[in-house]
Every structure is written in structure tokens, then in C-alpha cells.
């Protein structure tokens, strides 16, 4: 699980924007009936969304 600070570092963005991305990703997971942890996102889900096909860019 990644927190906003880790997501922000991985994407080179502000922590506030990373929180928004995490919130959007978690809303999608909730719609699929999956459990989420507020303020955190599964690292595999995050990497698949932002680094799909780029093995060198993995966190």
C-alpha cells in the first residue's frame, strides 16, 4: 500500500494532487466492491495505472 507521499514521489507531483488521485482510484475500487484504506492505494493497482509496460519505472 502506498500513501500520498510515496505516490507523489513516484509521479513527481505535489502530495495534495496525489491525495486526489488516490481518492479517485479508491472510488473506482469501491464501485467494484473492493475494500480500500482511506489515504492509501494498492501499489500494484497504482503501478499498473501509471507505469503499465514500463518495467524500469516501477516504484
PDB file of N, CA and C in Angstrom:
ATOM      1  N   UNK A   1       0.844  -1.177   0.000  1.00  0.00           N
ATOM      2  CA  UNK A   1       0.000   0.000   0.000  1.00  0.00           C
ATOM      3  C   UNK A   1       0.888   1.239   0.000  1.00  0.00           C
ATOM      4  N   UNK A   2       0.545   2.165  -0.864  1.00  0.00           N
ATOM      5  CA  UNK A   2       1.270   3.426  -0.946  1.00  0.00           C
ATOM      6  C   UNK A   2       0.451   4.532  -0.306  1.00  0.00           C
ATOM      7  N   UNK A   3       1.135   5.427   0.386  1.00  0.00           N
ATOM      8  CA  UNK A   3       0.454   6.611   0.889  1.00  0.00           C
ATOM      9  C   UNK A   3       0.672   7.763  -0.101  1.00  0.00           C
ATOM     10  N   UNK A   4       0.109   8.904   0.183  1.00  0.00           N
ATOM     11  CA  UNK A   4       0.175  10.032  -0.748  1.00  0.00           C
ATOM     12  C   UNK A   4       1.605  10.514  -0.956  1.00  0.00           C
ATOM     13  N   UNK A   5       2.412  10.486   0.069  1.00  0.00           N
ATOM     14  CA  UNK A   5       3.805  10.925  -0.059  1.00  0.00           C
ATOM     15  C   UNK A   5       4.561  10.033  -1.044  1.00  0.00           C
ATOM     16  N   UNK A   6       4.384   8.742  -0.933  1.00  0.00           N
ATOM     17  CA  UNK A   6       5.057   7.805  -1.830  1.00  0.00           C
ATOM     18  C   UNK A   6       4.548   7.949  -3.263  1.00  0.00           C
ATOM     19  N   UNK A   7       3.239   8.116  -3.420  1.00  0.00           N
ATOM     20  CA  UNK A   7       2.665   8.307  -4.752  1.00  0.00           C
ATOM     21  C   UNK A   7       3.171   9.605  -5.370  1.00  0.00           C
ATOM     22  N   UNK A   8       3.253  10.656  -4.574  1.00  0.00           N
ATOM     23  CA  UNK A   8       3.736  11.951  -5.060  1.00  0.00           C
ATOM     24  C   UNK A   8       5.181  11.851  -5.527  1.00  0.00           C
ATOM     25  N   UNK A   9       6.016  11.153  -4.784  1.00  0.00           N
ATOM     26  CA  UNK A   9       7.406  10.977  -5.178  1.00  0.00           C
ATOM     27  C   UNK A   9       7.519  10.173  -6.462  1.00  0.00           C
ATOM     28  N   UNK A  10       6.724   9.131  -6.576  1.00  0.00           N
ATOM     29  CA  UNK A  10       6.777   8.274  -7.758  1.00  0.00           C
ATOM     30  C   UNK A  10       6.363   8.991  -9.028  1.00  0.00           C
ATOM     31  N   UNK A  11       5.456   9.953  -8.909  1.00  0.00           N
ATOM     32  CA  UNK A  11       4.961  10.677 -10.080  1.00  0.00           C
ATOM     33  C   UNK A  11       5.509  12.096 -10.174  1.00  0.00           C
ATOM     34  N   UNK A  12       6.347  12.476  -9.223  1.00  0.00           N
ATOM     35  CA  UNK A  12       6.945  13.813  -9.195  1.00  0.00           C
ATOM     36  C   UNK A  12       5.860  14.887  -9.221  1.00  0.00           C
ATOM     37  N   UNK A  13       4.967  14.821  -8.232  1.00  0.00           N
ATOM     38  CA  UNK A  13       3.867  15.775  -8.129  1.00  0.00           C
ATOM     39  C   UNK A  13       3.677  16.161  -6.671  1.00  0.00           C
ATOM     40  N   UNK A  14       2.765  17.072  -6.429  1.00  0.00           N
ATOM     41  CA  UNK A  14       2.516  17.503  -5.058  1.00  0.00           C
ATOM     42  C   UNK A  14       1.749  16.423  -4.296  1.00  0.00           C
ATOM     43  N   UNK A  15       1.885  16.458  -2.995  1.00  0.00           N
ATOM     44  CA  UNK A  15       1.199  15.483  -2.157  1.00  0.00           C
ATOM     45  C   UNK A  15      -0.314  15.700  -2.222  1.00  0.00           C
ATOM     46  N   UNK A  16      -0.759  16.941  -2.310  1.00  0.00           N
ATOM     47  CA  UNK A  16      -2.184  17.242  -2.412  1.00  0.00           C
ATOM     48  C   UNK A  16      -2.811  16.631  -3.654  1.00  0.00           C
ATOM     49  N   UNK A  17      -2.104  16.715  -4.790  1.00  0.00           N
ATOM     50  CA  UNK A  17      -2.623  16.127  -6.019  1.00  0.00           C
ATOM     51  C   UNK A  17      -2.604  14.612  -5.933  1.00  0.00           C
ATOM     52  N   UNK A  18      -1.603  14.065  -5.273  1.00  0.00           N
ATOM     53  CA  UNK A  18      -1.529  12.610  -5.091  1.00  0.00           C
ATOM     54  C   UNK A  18      -2.725  12.120  -4.271  1.00  0.00           C
ATOM     55  N   UNK A  19      -3.146  12.887  -3.256  1.00  0.00           N
ATOM     56  CA  UNK A  19      -4.324  12.518  -2.479  1.00  0.00           C
ATOM     57  C   UNK A  19      -5.555  12.443  -3.382  1.00  0.00           C
ATOM     58  N   UNK A  20      -5.690  13.394  -4.308  1.00  0.00           N
ATOM     59  CA  UNK A  20      -6.832  13.383  -5.223  1.00  0.00           C
ATOM     60  C   UNK A  20      -6.808  12.157  -6.120  1.00  0.00           C
ATOM     61  N   UNK A  21      -5.639  11.798  -6.609  1.00  0.00           N
ATOM     62  CA  UNK A  21      -5.511  10.611  -7.453  1.00  0.00           C
ATOM     63  C   UNK A  21      -5.873   9.358  -6.658  1.00  0.00           C
ATOM     64  N   UNK A  22      -5.373   9.264  -5.431  1.00  0.00           N
ATOM     65  CA  UNK A  22      -5.682   8.113  -4.584  1.00  0.00           C
ATOM     66  C   UNK A  22      -7.174   8.032  -4.323  1.00  0.00           C
ATOM     67  N   UNK A  23      -7.801   9.168  -4.064  1.00  0.00           N
ATOM     68  CA  UNK A  23      -9.242   9.187  -3.821  1.00  0.00           C
ATOM     69  C   UNK A  23     -10.006   8.693  -5.047  1.00  0.00           C
ATOM     70  N   UNK A  24      -9.630   9.146  -6.226  1.00  0.00           N
ATOM     71  CA  UNK A  24     -10.284   8.699  -7.458  1.00  0.00           C
ATOM     72  C   UNK A  24     -10.096   7.201  -7.674  1.00  0.00           C
ATOM     73  N   UNK A  25      -8.879   6.728  -7.457  1.00  0.00           N
ATOM     74  CA  UNK A  25      -8.611   5.303  -7.649  1.00  0.00           C
ATOM     75  C   UNK A  25      -9.402   4.467  -6.647  1.00  0.00           C
ATOM     76  N   UNK A  26      -9.481   4.919  -5.404  1.00  0.00           N
ATOM     77  CA  UNK A  26     -10.223   4.180  -4.387  1.00  0.00           C
ATOM     78  C   UNK A  26     -11.720   4.190  -4.675  1.00  0.00           C
ATOM     79  N   UNK A  27     -12.252   5.288  -5.207  1.00  0.00           N
ATOM     80  CA  UNK A  27     -13.668   5.322  -5.569  1.00  0.00           C
ATOM     81  C   UNK A  27     -13.976   4.260  -6.626  1.00  0.00           C
ATOM     82  N   UNK A  28     -13.067   4.102  -7.578  1.00  0.00           N
ATOM     83  CA  UNK A  28     -13.241   3.066  -8.589  1.00  0.00           C
ATOM     84  C   UNK A  28     -13.224   1.676  -7.983  1.00  0.00           C
ATOM     85  N   UNK A  29     -12.368   1.467  -6.998  1.00  0.00           N
ATOM     86  CA  UNK A  29     -12.298   0.166  -6.340  1.00  0.00           C
ATOM     87  C   UNK A  29     -13.563  -0.105  -5.524  1.00  0.00           C
ATOM     88  N   UNK A  30     -14.090   0.918  -4.889  1.00  0.00           N
ATOM     89  CA  UNK A  30     -15.324   0.776  -4.110  1.00  0.00           C
ATOM     90  C   UNK A  30     -16.484   0.400  -5.034  1.00  0.00           C
ATOM     91  N   UNK A  31     -16.542   1.019  -6.206  1.00  0.00           N
ATOM     92  CA  UNK A  31     -17.600   0.703  -7.167  1.00  0.00           C
ATOM     93  C   UNK A  31     -17.522  -0.753  -7.615  1.00  0.00           C
ATOM     94  N   UNK A  32     -16.330  -1.322  -7.593  1.00  0.00           N
ATOM     95  CA  UNK A  32     -16.146  -2.729  -7.958  1.00  0.00           C
ATOM     96  C   UNK A  32     -16.380  -3.662  -6.773  1.00  0.00           C
ATOM     97  N   UNK A  33     -16.710  -3.086  -5.613  1.00  0.00           N
ATOM     98  CA  UNK A  33     -16.996  -3.889  -4.433  1.00  0.00           C
ATOM     99  C   UNK A  33     -15.774  -4.301  -3.650  1.00  0.00           C
ATOM    100  N   UNK A  34     -14.669  -3.649  -3.887  1.00  0.00           N
ATOM    101  CA  UNK A  34     -13.423  -3.997  -3.191  1.00  0.00           C
ATOM    102  C   UNK A  34     -13.202  -3.085  -1.989  1.00  0.00           C
ATOM    103  N   UNK A  35     -12.549  -3.611  -0.991  1.00  0.00           N
ATOM    104  CA  UNK A  35     -12.230  -2.838   0.207  1.00  0.00           C
ATOM    105  C   UNK A  35     -11.049  -1.914  -0.068  1.00  0.00           C
ATOM    106  N   UNK A  36     -11.059  -0.743   0.547  1.00  0.00           N
ATOM    107  CA  UNK A  36      -9.963   0.220   0.393  1.00  0.00           C
ATOM    108  C   UNK A  36      -9.572   0.754   1.765  1.00  0.00           C
ATOM    109  N   UNK A  37      -8.380   1.335   1.824  1.00  0.00           N
ATOM    110  CA  UNK A  37      -7.911   2.020   3.019  1.00  0.00           C
ATOM    111  C   UNK A  37      -7.810   3.492   2.647  1.00  0.00           C
ATOM    112  N   UNK A  38      -8.527   4.334   3.368  1.00  0.00           N
ATOM    113  CA  UNK A  38      -8.559   5.757   3.062  1.00  0.00           C
ATOM    114  C   UNK A  38      -7.144   6.352   3.118  1.00  0.00           C
ATOM    115  N   UNK A  39      -6.783   7.091   2.074  1.00  0.00           N
ATOM    116  CA  UNK A  39      -5.476   7.731   2.023  1.00  0.00           C
ATOM    117  C   UNK A  39      -4.355   6.840   1.511  1.00  0.00           C
ATOM    118  N   UNK A  40      -4.699   5.620   1.118  1.00  0.00           N
ATOM    119  CA  UNK A  40      -3.702   4.688   0.591  1.00  0.00           C
ATOM    120  C   UNK A  40      -4.263   3.976  -0.621  1.00  0.00           C
ATOM    121  N   UNK A  41      -3.354   3.506  -1.470  1.00  0.00           N
ATOM    122  CA  UNK A  41      -3.748   2.779  -2.667  1.00  0.00           C
ATOM    123  C   UNK A  41      -2.846   1.565  -2.820  1.00  0.00           C
ATOM    124  N   UNK A  42      -3.404   0.490  -3.355  1.00  0.00           N
ATOM    125  CA  UNK A  42      -2.587  -0.705  -3.577  1.00  0.00           C
ATOM    126  C   UNK A  42      -1.480  -0.371  -4.558  1.00  0.00           C
ATOM    127  N   UNK A  43      -0.278  -0.764  -4.247  1.00  0.00           N
ATOM    128  CA  UNK A  43       0.867  -0.434  -5.099  1.00  0.00           C
ATOM    129  C   UNK A  43       0.760  -1.080  -6.471  1.00  0.00           C
ATOM    130  N   UNK A  44       0.246  -2.303  -6.556  1.00  0.00           N
ATOM    131  CA  UNK A  44       0.132  -2.947  -7.863  1.00  0.00           C
ATOM    132  C   UNK A  44      -0.899  -2.239  -8.746  1.00  0.00           C
ATOM    133  N   UNK A  45      -1.985  -1.774  -8.145  1.00  0.00           N
ATOM    134  CA  UNK A  45      -3.007  -1.037  -8.895  1.00  0.00           C
ATOM    135  C   UNK A  45      -2.446   0.315  -9.371  1.00  0.00           C
ATOM    136  N   UNK A  46      -1.723   0.989  -8.502  1.00  0.00           N
ATOM    137  CA  UNK A  46      -1.107   2.278  -8.825  1.00  0.00           C
ATOM    138  C   UNK A  46      -0.098   2.129  -9.957  1.00  0.00           C
ATOM    139  N   UNK A  47       0.773   1.146  -9.848  1.00  0.00           N
ATOM    140  CA  UNK A  47       1.805   0.933 -10.865  1.00  0.00           C
ATOM    141  C   UNK A  47       1.192   0.542 -12.209  1.00  0.00           C
ATOM    142  N   UNK A  48       0.148  -0.284 -12.177  1.00  0.00           N
ATOM    143  CA  UNK A  48      -0.496  -0.689 -13.420  1.00  0.00           C
ATOM    144  C   UNK A  48      -1.117   0.511 -14.130  1.00  0.00           C
ATOM    145  N   UNK A  49      -1.659   1.441 -13.358  1.00  0.00           N
ATOM    146  CA  UNK A  49      -2.300   2.610 -13.967  1.00  0.00           C
ATOM    147  C   UNK A  49      -1.290   3.591 -14.543  1.00  0.00           C
ATOM    148  N   UNK A  50      -0.205   3.833 -13.835  1.00  0.00           N
ATOM    149  CA  UNK A  50       0.731   4.882 -14.243  1.00  0.00           C
ATOM    150  C   UNK A  50       1.996   4.385 -14.924  1.00  0.00           C
ATOM    151  N   UNK A  51       2.353   3.128 -14.738  1.00  0.00           N
ATOM    152  CA  UNK A  51       3.602   2.623 -15.299  1.00  0.00           C
ATOM    153  C   UNK A  51       3.404   1.360 -16.129  1.00  0.00           C
ATOM    154  N   UNK A  52       2.251   1.195 -16.697  1.00  0.00           N
ATOM    155  CA  UNK A  52       1.947  -0.009 -17.485  1.00  0.00           C
ATOM    156  C   UNK A  52       2.953  -0.164 -18.623  1.00  0.00           C
ATOM    157  N   UNK A  53       3.619  -1.312 -18.657  1.00  0.00           N
ATOM    158  CA  UNK A  53       4.556  -1.606 -19.718  1.00  0.00           C
ATOM    159  C   UNK A  53       5.935  -0.986 -19.551  1.00  0.00           C
ATOM    160  N   UNK A  54       6.180  -0.276 -18.457  1.00  0.00           N
ATOM    161  CA  UNK A  54       7.474   0.362 -18.252  1.00  0.00           C
ATOM    162  C   UNK A  54       8.128  -0.239 -17.011  1.00  0.00           C
ATOM    163  N   UNK A  55       8.791  -1.359 -17.168  1.00  0.00           N
ATOM    164  CA  UNK A  55       9.382  -2.085 -16.045  1.00  0.00           C
ATOM    165  C   UNK A  55      10.441  -1.282 -15.296  1.00  0.00           C
ATOM    166  N   UNK A  56      11.125  -0.361 -15.966  1.00  0.00           N
ATOM    167  CA  UNK A  56      12.164   0.435 -15.315  1.00  0.00           C
ATOM    168  C   UNK A  56      11.604   1.515 -14.402  1.00  0.00           C
ATOM    169  N   UNK A  57      10.343   1.873 -14.551  1.00  0.00           N
ATOM    170  CA  UNK A  57       9.756   2.971 -13.787  1.00  0.00           C
ATOM    171  C   UNK A  57       9.022   2.516 -12.535  1.00  0.00           C
ATOM    172  N   UNK A  58       9.034   1.229 -12.227  1.00  0.00           N
ATOM    173  CA  UNK A  58       8.329   0.719 -11.064  1.00  0.00           C
ATOM    174  C   UNK A  58       8.880   1.349  -9.773  1.00  0.00           C
ATOM    175  N   UNK A  59       7.992   1.577  -8.800  1.00  0.00           N
ATOM    176  CA  UNK A  59       8.392   2.166  -7.528  1.00  0.00           C
ATOM    177  C   UNK A  59       9.167   1.183  -6.700  1.00  0.00           C
TER     178      UNK A  59
END
